[in-house]
Amino acid sequence: MKKYLPKILVLLPVIFIFAGFNYLIDPENLFSGEKYEKGIADDMLKGENVTGLYNYDERLLQKYFIAGMKSAPDVVVLGPSRTMLINADVLNVKNEEVINNSTSGPTIEDELAIFDMYIRKGWYPKKVIIGVDPYYLNEKKTTRKLYSSIRDYYFDICDSIGVKAEKDHEFFFKYRNLEKLFLIQYFQESILFAINTGNKHSYEGTDSKFNKTITKLPDGSIVYGEKLREKTPEEVAEGIKSINGDELTSYFQPIEKYDQDYINKFEKFITFLRSKGIEVDLVMPPFHPLWFEHFKKDNRFKLYLATEDFFRNYAHQNGLHFFGSLNPSVCGVSGSDFYDEMHLKAPGMSKVMKLER
């Protein structure tokens, strides 16, 4: 050990400089004390559209966004990125405030935590629209436990709905970002960020909804960036055709068995919402026609596609409204209604929200 000590002592300053650079640049805003997310929320609460967003924690944004609201919304939307476009225009409602609290790649823990933010304010909307995706039911789904930044809200609502909250990941939750300081990948990301942006952790409030990058609207919904908006249906189709079977199964894992833990929490949440007199709508947006055909032709995804039946049957049995289908032809949409393999444009989403099944 003694013979290695001089080498270790020589390396220590290098390690600290390496970690210090990562901390200073911090391209993913992991060590900013939540200032970035709070600033975005502040602009949204002022009624501004916000664009130029870069690597922010969507969960923390919900925390500050809801905390700053002055009045309870009539309709709350919870769900994955595929429901981020839902707003008052898409729903064609004129005299109700619709707030979209969807996040990318959520789990049931995210949705419970976000709704608890309303409960803490004593607010119960008239309606909650919940986007449901097949991966929710996959027992083997990969989860990055992204809800860690709002986990206290999750733990809180578990008491309200009668779910046991597992707290065995506290060490991971508390210190998981520190490892980034010592990762070569984060160092490379930091260098690129510094070169490309001059280390400007910025965003821009604007009156325009249509900007070069994705734009967050004051109601929490989004408008996609210029590059995605300007893709032709042919370009979208070519991109989907280039996806092979291995890529499909690595990104969308086939389902072998349903996740009973998810089902339990989901059912308890729905029961809780109904007990508060809240109308609950479930929505399952379709996939692009070519993407849907990928799934239909692959027998490994039989149970994956059957998740639609699970959610629709649950809705019928429990007095909920169910909208949409994974099958685009059922929803009356075509390839021209999609930005990519799974994200609808606003007109297509409007069609889905008119199709109660």
Protein backbone atom coordinates (compact mmCIF):
# COMPACT_ATOMS: atom_id res chain seq x y z
CA MET A 1 0.00 0.00 0.00
CA LYS A 2 2.85 2.36 0.91
CA LYS A 3 4.41 2.10 -2.55
CA TYR A 4 1.13 3.24 -4.14
CA LEU A 5 0.61 6.15 -1.76
CA PRO A 6 2.80 8.67 -3.67
CA LYS A 7 0.94 7.89 -6.89
CA ILE A 8 -2.39 8.31 -5.13
CA LEU A 9 -1.29 11.65 -3.67
CA VAL A 10 -0.20 12.83 -7.12
CA LEU A 11 -3.56 11.84 -8.61
CA LEU A 12 -5.69 13.48 -5.94
CA PRO A 13 -5.31 17.04 -7.29
CA VAL A 14 -6.14 15.78 -10.78
CA ILE A 15 -9.26 14.05 -9.47
CA PHE A 16 -10.38 17.17 -7.62
CA ILE A 17 -9.80 19.37 -10.68
CA PHE A 18 -11.71 16.86 -12.81
CA ALA A 19 -14.63 16.80 -10.37
CA GLY A 20 -14.47 20.56 -9.89
CA PHE A 21 -14.77 21.16 -13.62
CA ASN A 22 -17.81 18.90 -13.81
CA TYR A 23 -19.36 20.71 -10.85
CA LEU A 24 -18.67 24.15 -12.31
CA ILE A 25 -20.01 23.40 -15.79
CA ASP A 26 -22.77 21.01 -14.67
CA PRO A 27 -24.43 20.53 -18.09
CA GLU A 28 -27.39 18.64 -16.61
CA ASN A 29 -28.08 21.24 -13.89
CA LEU A 30 -27.60 18.64 -11.17
CA PHE A 31 -25.88 20.94 -8.67
CA SER A 32 -27.63 24.26 -9.28
CA GLY A 33 -29.82 24.09 -6.19
CA GLU A 34 -32.97 23.80 -8.35
CA LYS A 35 -32.61 27.43 -9.54
CA TYR A 36 -32.94 26.43 -13.18
CA GLU A 37 -36.27 24.65 -12.73
CA LYS A 38 -37.63 27.36 -10.45
CA GLY A 39 -36.75 30.02 -13.00
CA ILE A 40 -38.60 28.19 -15.76
CA ALA A 41 -41.63 27.78 -13.53
CA ASP A 42 -41.57 31.47 -12.61
CA ASP A 43 -41.73 32.48 -16.28
CA MET A 44 -44.57 30.03 -16.97
CA LEU A 45 -46.49 31.40 -13.99
CA LYS A 46 -46.12 34.88 -15.47
CA GLY A 47 -47.94 33.63 -18.57
CA GLU A 48 -44.86 33.31 -20.76
CA ASN A 49 -43.91 30.53 -23.14
CA VAL A 50 -40.44 29.21 -22.31
CA THR A 51 -38.02 27.87 -24.92
CA GLY A 52 -34.30 27.12 -25.18
CA LEU A 53 -34.60 24.62 -22.33
CA TYR A 54 -31.64 22.39 -21.63
CA ASN A 55 -31.40 19.27 -19.42
CA TYR A 56 -33.80 20.23 -16.69
CA ASP A 57 -35.50 18.06 -14.08
CA GLU A 58 -39.12 17.83 -15.25
CA ARG A 59 -40.23 16.64 -11.82
CA LEU A 60 -38.76 19.63 -10.03
CA LEU A 61 -40.37 21.91 -12.60
CA GLN A 62 -43.76 20.48 -11.61
CA LYS A 63 -42.96 21.12 -7.96
CA TYR A 64 -42.31 24.84 -8.46
CA PHE A 65 -44.99 25.23 -11.13
CA ILE A 66 -47.76 23.86 -8.92
CA ALA A 67 -46.44 25.61 -5.82
CA GLY A 68 -46.72 28.97 -7.60
CA MET A 69 -50.25 28.53 -8.94
CA LYS A 70 -52.80 30.99 -7.56
CA SER A 71 -55.93 28.94 -8.19
CA ALA A 72 -56.86 25.30 -8.63
CA PRO A 73 -57.20 24.05 -12.23
CA ASP A 74 -60.38 22.38 -13.44
CA VAL A 75 -58.56 19.63 -15.31
CA VAL A 76 -55.17 18.05 -14.57
CA VAL A 77 -53.31 15.88 -17.09
CA LEU A 78 -50.87 13.25 -15.82
CA GLY A 79 -48.95 10.93 -18.07
CA PRO A 80 -45.89 10.36 -20.30
CA SER A 81 -44.46 12.49 -23.08
CA ARG A 82 -47.17 11.15 -25.40
CA THR A 83 -49.78 13.21 -23.50
CA MET A 84 -47.78 16.44 -23.22
CA LEU A 85 -49.73 18.10 -26.03
CA ILE A 86 -53.09 17.85 -24.25
CA ASN A 87 -54.42 21.29 -23.31
CA ALA A 88 -57.65 23.28 -23.50
CA ASP A 89 -57.34 23.69 -27.28
CA VAL A 90 -56.85 19.97 -27.87
CA LEU A 91 -59.79 19.19 -25.57
CA ASN A 92 -61.85 22.01 -27.15
CA VAL A 93 -62.92 23.41 -23.79
CA LYS A 94 -63.48 27.14 -23.39
CA ASN A 95 -64.34 27.88 -19.79
CA GLU A 96 -62.11 25.46 -17.89
CA GLU A 97 -58.46 25.74 -16.91
CA VAL A 98 -56.48 22.72 -18.11
CA ILE A 99 -53.02 22.13 -16.64
CA ASN A 100 -50.69 19.52 -18.11
CA ASN A 101 -48.31 17.90 -15.61
CA SER A 102 -47.06 15.11 -17.89
CA THR A 103 -43.37 14.14 -17.67
CA SER A 104 -41.01 12.06 -19.78
CA GLY A 105 -40.81 8.38 -18.91
CA PRO A 106 -42.88 8.54 -15.73
CA THR A 107 -43.73 5.76 -13.35
CA ILE A 108 -46.77 5.57 -11.07
CA GLU A 109 -44.57 7.08 -8.34
CA ASP A 110 -44.15 10.24 -10.42
CA GLU A 111 -47.87 10.62 -10.98
CA LEU A 112 -48.70 10.05 -7.33
CA ALA A 113 -46.05 12.53 -6.21
CA ILE A 114 -47.21 15.22 -8.63
CA PHE A 115 -50.84 14.88 -7.59
CA ASP A 116 -49.80 15.13 -3.95
CA MET A 117 -48.57 18.64 -4.76
CA TYR A 118 -52.19 19.58 -5.39
CA ILE A 119 -53.41 17.77 -2.28
CA ARG A 120 -50.98 19.75 -0.12
CA LYS A 121 -52.64 22.92 -1.36
CA GLY A 122 -56.07 21.49 -0.61
CA TRP A 123 -56.91 21.42 -4.31
CA TYR A 124 -58.95 18.71 -6.03
CA PRO A 125 -59.65 19.27 -9.75
CA LYS A 126 -62.95 18.34 -11.33
CA LYS A 127 -61.22 15.95 -13.70
CA VAL A 128 -57.92 14.08 -13.95
CA ILE A 129 -56.84 12.77 -17.35
CA ILE A 130 -54.28 9.98 -17.03
CA GLY A 131 -52.23 8.90 -20.02
CA VAL A 132 -51.49 5.17 -19.92
CA ASP A 133 -48.76 3.40 -21.86
CA PRO A 134 -48.03 -0.33 -22.29
CA TYR A 135 -44.71 -0.16 -20.45
CA TYR A 136 -46.51 0.80 -17.24
CA LEU A 137 -47.65 -2.81 -16.90
CA ASN A 138 -44.30 -4.44 -17.62
CA GLU A 139 -43.00 -6.22 -14.53
CA LYS A 140 -39.48 -6.08 -15.98
CA LYS A 141 -39.58 -2.45 -17.02
CA THR A 142 -36.39 -0.53 -16.46
CA THR A 143 -36.83 2.41 -14.15
CA ARG A 144 -34.33 5.09 -13.32
CA LYS A 145 -36.30 6.15 -10.27
CA LEU A 146 -36.56 9.67 -11.67
CA TYR A 147 -39.10 10.53 -8.99
CA SER A 148 -36.27 10.77 -6.45
CA SER A 149 -36.24 14.58 -6.61
CA ILE A 150 -39.91 14.67 -5.52
CA ARG A 151 -39.94 11.50 -3.43
CA ASP A 152 -41.22 13.24 -0.29
CA TYR A 153 -44.49 13.93 -2.10
CA TYR A 154 -44.68 10.29 -3.12
CA PHE A 155 -44.12 9.09 0.43
CA ASP A 156 -46.79 11.53 1.61
CA ILE A 157 -49.55 10.45 -0.76
CA CYS A 158 -48.89 6.77 -0.08
CA ASP A 159 -50.27 7.35 3.41
CA SER A 160 -53.38 8.99 1.92
CA ILE A 161 -54.21 6.20 -0.52
CA GLY A 162 -53.15 3.25 1.61
CA VAL A 163 -50.01 2.15 -0.22
CA LYS A 164 -46.83 1.06 1.51
CA ALA A 165 -43.96 3.24 0.32
CA GLU A 166 -40.60 1.55 0.01
CA LYS A 167 -37.82 3.76 1.33
CA ASP A 168 -34.91 1.40 0.79
CA HIS A 169 -33.39 3.58 -1.95
CA GLU A 170 -32.71 6.61 0.24
CA PHE A 171 -28.92 6.37 -0.02
CA PHE A 172 -29.17 6.13 -3.81
CA PHE A 173 -31.64 9.03 -3.95
CA LYS A 174 -29.48 11.24 -1.77
CA TYR A 175 -26.09 10.70 -3.35
CA ARG A 176 -26.74 9.43 -6.87
CA ASN A 177 -25.70 12.69 -8.55
CA LEU A 178 -22.30 12.78 -6.85
CA GLU A 179 -20.95 9.96 -9.01
CA LYS A 180 -21.44 12.19 -12.04
CA LEU A 181 -18.62 14.41 -10.80
CA PHE A 182 -16.15 11.57 -11.34
CA LEU A 183 -17.47 10.14 -14.61
CA ILE A 184 -15.47 10.65 -17.79
CA GLN A 185 -18.76 10.75 -19.73
CA TYR A 186 -19.95 13.71 -17.70
CA PHE A 187 -16.56 15.38 -18.20
CA GLN A 188 -16.94 14.97 -21.97
CA GLU A 189 -20.49 16.30 -21.77
CA SER A 190 -19.25 19.25 -19.73
CA ILE A 191 -16.59 20.11 -22.30
CA LEU A 192 -19.10 20.01 -25.16
CA PHE A 193 -21.59 22.09 -23.20
CA ALA A 194 -18.94 24.72 -22.38
CA ILE A 195 -17.83 24.90 -26.03
CA ASN A 196 -21.33 25.00 -27.52
CA THR A 197 -23.01 27.34 -25.04
CA GLY A 198 -20.22 29.20 -23.26
CA ASN A 199 -21.57 27.56 -20.09
CA LYS A 200 -24.82 29.51 -20.32
CA HIS A 201 -27.57 27.67 -18.47
CA SER A 202 -30.25 29.71 -20.12
CA TYR A 203 -33.82 29.60 -21.32
CA GLU A 204 -35.96 32.25 -22.93
CA GLY A 205 -39.39 33.62 -22.18
CA THR A 206 -41.26 34.44 -25.38
CA ASP A 207 -44.68 35.32 -26.79
CA SER A 208 -44.19 32.82 -29.62
CA LYS A 209 -45.33 29.21 -29.36
CA PHE A 210 -43.36 28.10 -32.40
CA ASN A 211 -39.61 28.22 -31.80
CA LYS A 212 -36.44 26.44 -32.85
CA THR A 213 -36.45 24.24 -29.76
CA ILE A 214 -39.21 22.66 -27.71
CA THR A 215 -41.39 25.24 -25.94
CA LYS A 216 -43.15 24.90 -22.61
CA LEU A 217 -46.46 26.76 -22.50
CA PRO A 218 -47.95 28.44 -19.41
CA ASP A 219 -50.47 25.60 -19.04
CA GLY A 220 -47.67 23.02 -18.85
CA SER A 221 -48.25 21.59 -22.33
CA ILE A 222 -45.59 21.76 -25.04
CA VAL A 223 -44.99 22.70 -28.66
CA TYR A 224 -42.23 20.74 -30.38
CA GLY A 225 -39.18 22.39 -31.89
CA GLU A 226 -38.77 23.48 -35.49
CA LYS A 227 -36.79 20.44 -36.64
CA LEU A 228 -39.48 18.00 -35.53
CA ARG A 229 -42.36 20.20 -36.69
CA GLU A 230 -40.96 20.48 -40.19
CA LYS A 231 -40.44 16.77 -40.79
CA THR A 232 -42.50 15.56 -43.72
CA PRO A 233 -44.65 12.42 -43.34
CA GLU A 234 -42.24 10.72 -45.74
CA GLU A 235 -39.25 11.57 -43.55
CA VAL A 236 -41.05 10.28 -40.48
CA ALA A 237 -41.91 7.06 -42.30
CA GLU A 238 -38.33 6.53 -43.49
CA GLY A 239 -37.05 6.96 -39.94
CA ILE A 240 -39.45 4.32 -38.67
CA LYS A 241 -38.59 1.87 -41.46
CA SER A 242 -34.93 2.06 -40.46
CA ILE A 243 -35.66 0.65 -37.00
CA ASN A 244 -34.87 -3.07 -36.79
CA GLY A 245 -36.29 -5.72 -34.48
CA ASP A 246 -33.38 -5.64 -32.03
CA GLU A 247 -33.72 -1.90 -31.61
CA LEU A 248 -37.45 -2.32 -31.10
CA THR A 249 -37.06 -4.84 -28.28
CA SER A 250 -34.27 -2.92 -26.56
CA TYR A 251 -36.29 0.29 -26.42
CA PHE A 252 -39.76 -1.22 -25.98
CA GLN A 253 -39.34 -4.29 -23.83
CA PRO A 254 -41.78 -7.14 -24.52
CA ILE A 255 -44.06 -7.92 -21.59
CA GLU A 256 -43.95 -11.39 -20.08
CA LYS A 257 -45.89 -10.65 -16.92
CA TYR A 258 -47.93 -7.70 -15.64
CA ASP A 259 -46.56 -5.62 -12.80
CA GLN A 260 -48.84 -6.28 -9.82
CA ASP A 261 -47.20 -3.53 -7.77
CA TYR A 262 -48.09 -0.98 -10.44
CA ILE A 263 -51.63 -2.33 -10.71
CA ASN A 264 -52.11 -2.10 -6.94
CA LYS A 265 -50.90 1.49 -6.76
CA PHE A 266 -52.86 2.46 -9.86
CA GLU A 267 -56.10 1.01 -8.49
CA LYS A 268 -55.60 2.64 -5.09
CA PHE A 269 -54.95 5.99 -6.78
CA ILE A 270 -58.08 5.74 -8.93
CA THR A 271 -60.16 4.77 -5.89
CA PHE A 272 -58.78 7.77 -4.01
CA LEU A 273 -59.58 10.17 -6.87
CA ARG A 274 -63.11 8.84 -7.19
CA SER A 275 -63.63 9.17 -3.42
CA LYS A 276 -62.94 12.89 -3.81
CA GLY A 277 -65.61 13.23 -6.49
CA ILE A 278 -63.04 13.59 -9.27
CA GLU A 279 -63.90 12.40 -12.78
CA VAL A 280 -61.13 10.19 -14.17
CA ASP A 281 -60.41 9.74 -17.87
CA LEU A 282 -57.82 7.29 -19.20
CA VAL A 283 -56.22 7.98 -22.57
CA MET A 284 -53.98 5.70 -24.62
CA PRO A 285 -52.61 7.52 -27.69
CA PRO A 286 -51.92 5.44 -30.81
CA PHE A 287 -48.62 4.59 -32.44
CA HIS A 288 -47.68 5.57 -35.99
CA PRO A 289 -49.23 3.06 -38.45
CA LEU A 290 -45.82 1.65 -39.43
CA TRP A 291 -44.75 1.42 -35.80
CA PHE A 292 -47.97 -0.33 -34.84
CA GLU A 293 -47.35 -2.87 -37.61
CA HIS A 294 -43.92 -3.59 -36.08
CA PHE A 295 -45.65 -4.68 -32.89
CA LYS A 296 -48.40 -6.65 -34.62
CA LYS A 297 -45.93 -8.72 -36.62
CA ASP A 298 -43.75 -9.58 -33.62
CA ASN A 299 -45.29 -12.29 -31.42
CA ARG A 300 -43.14 -11.14 -28.51
CA PHE A 301 -45.36 -8.06 -28.22
CA LYS A 302 -48.69 -9.86 -27.96
CA LEU A 303 -49.09 -9.08 -24.25
CA TYR A 304 -47.68 -5.60 -24.87
CA LEU A 305 -50.56 -4.74 -27.22
CA ALA A 306 -53.03 -6.44 -24.87
CA THR A 307 -52.39 -3.71 -22.30
CA GLU A 308 -54.98 -1.69 -24.18
CA ASP A 309 -57.62 -4.26 -23.26
CA PHE A 310 -56.49 -4.21 -19.64
CA PHE A 311 -56.90 -0.43 -19.29
CA ARG A 312 -60.08 -0.22 -21.33
CA ASN A 313 -61.71 -3.04 -19.38
CA TYR A 314 -60.62 -1.48 -16.10
CA ALA A 315 -62.20 1.81 -17.15
CA HIS A 316 -65.49 0.15 -18.09
CA GLN A 317 -65.63 -1.84 -14.86
CA ASN A 318 -64.95 1.18 -12.68
CA GLY A 319 -67.00 3.91 -14.32
CA LEU A 320 -64.11 5.74 -15.98
CA HIS A 321 -63.93 7.16 -19.49
CA PHE A 322 -61.42 5.57 -21.87
CA PHE A 323 -60.12 7.34 -24.96
CA GLY A 324 -57.90 6.20 -27.80
CA SER A 325 -56.22 3.01 -28.90
CA LEU A 326 -52.72 1.85 -29.76
CA ASN A 327 -54.13 1.12 -33.20
CA PRO A 328 -54.08 4.35 -35.25
CA SER A 329 -56.82 3.19 -37.62
CA VAL A 330 -59.20 2.85 -34.66
CA CYS A 331 -58.45 6.46 -33.75
CA GLY A 332 -58.93 7.74 -37.29
CA VAL A 333 -55.37 9.05 -37.61
CA SER A 334 -52.77 8.48 -40.32
CA GLY A 335 -49.02 8.81 -40.66
CA SER A 336 -49.34 12.53 -41.37
CA ASP A 337 -50.70 13.03 -37.84
CA PHE A 338 -47.38 12.03 -36.22
CA TYR A 339 -44.13 13.80 -35.39
CA ASP A 340 -42.37 10.45 -35.05
CA GLU A 341 -43.15 6.81 -34.30
CA MET A 342 -45.24 7.53 -31.21
CA HIS A 343 -45.91 11.24 -30.68
CA LEU A 344 -49.06 12.72 -32.20
CA LYS A 345 -49.49 16.22 -33.51
CA ALA A 346 -52.17 18.35 -31.82
CA PRO A 347 -54.90 17.73 -34.46
CA GLY A 348 -54.35 13.99 -34.12
CA MET A 349 -54.55 14.20 -30.34
CA SER A 350 -57.82 16.09 -30.67
CA LYS A 351 -59.22 13.18 -32.69
CA VAL A 352 -58.14 10.75 -29.98
CA MET A 353 -59.78 12.77 -27.22
CA LYS A 354 -63.08 12.61 -29.10
CA LEU A 355 -62.97 8.83 -29.35
CA GLU A 356 -64.46 7.37 -26.18
CA ARG A 357 -64.43 3.59 -26.29
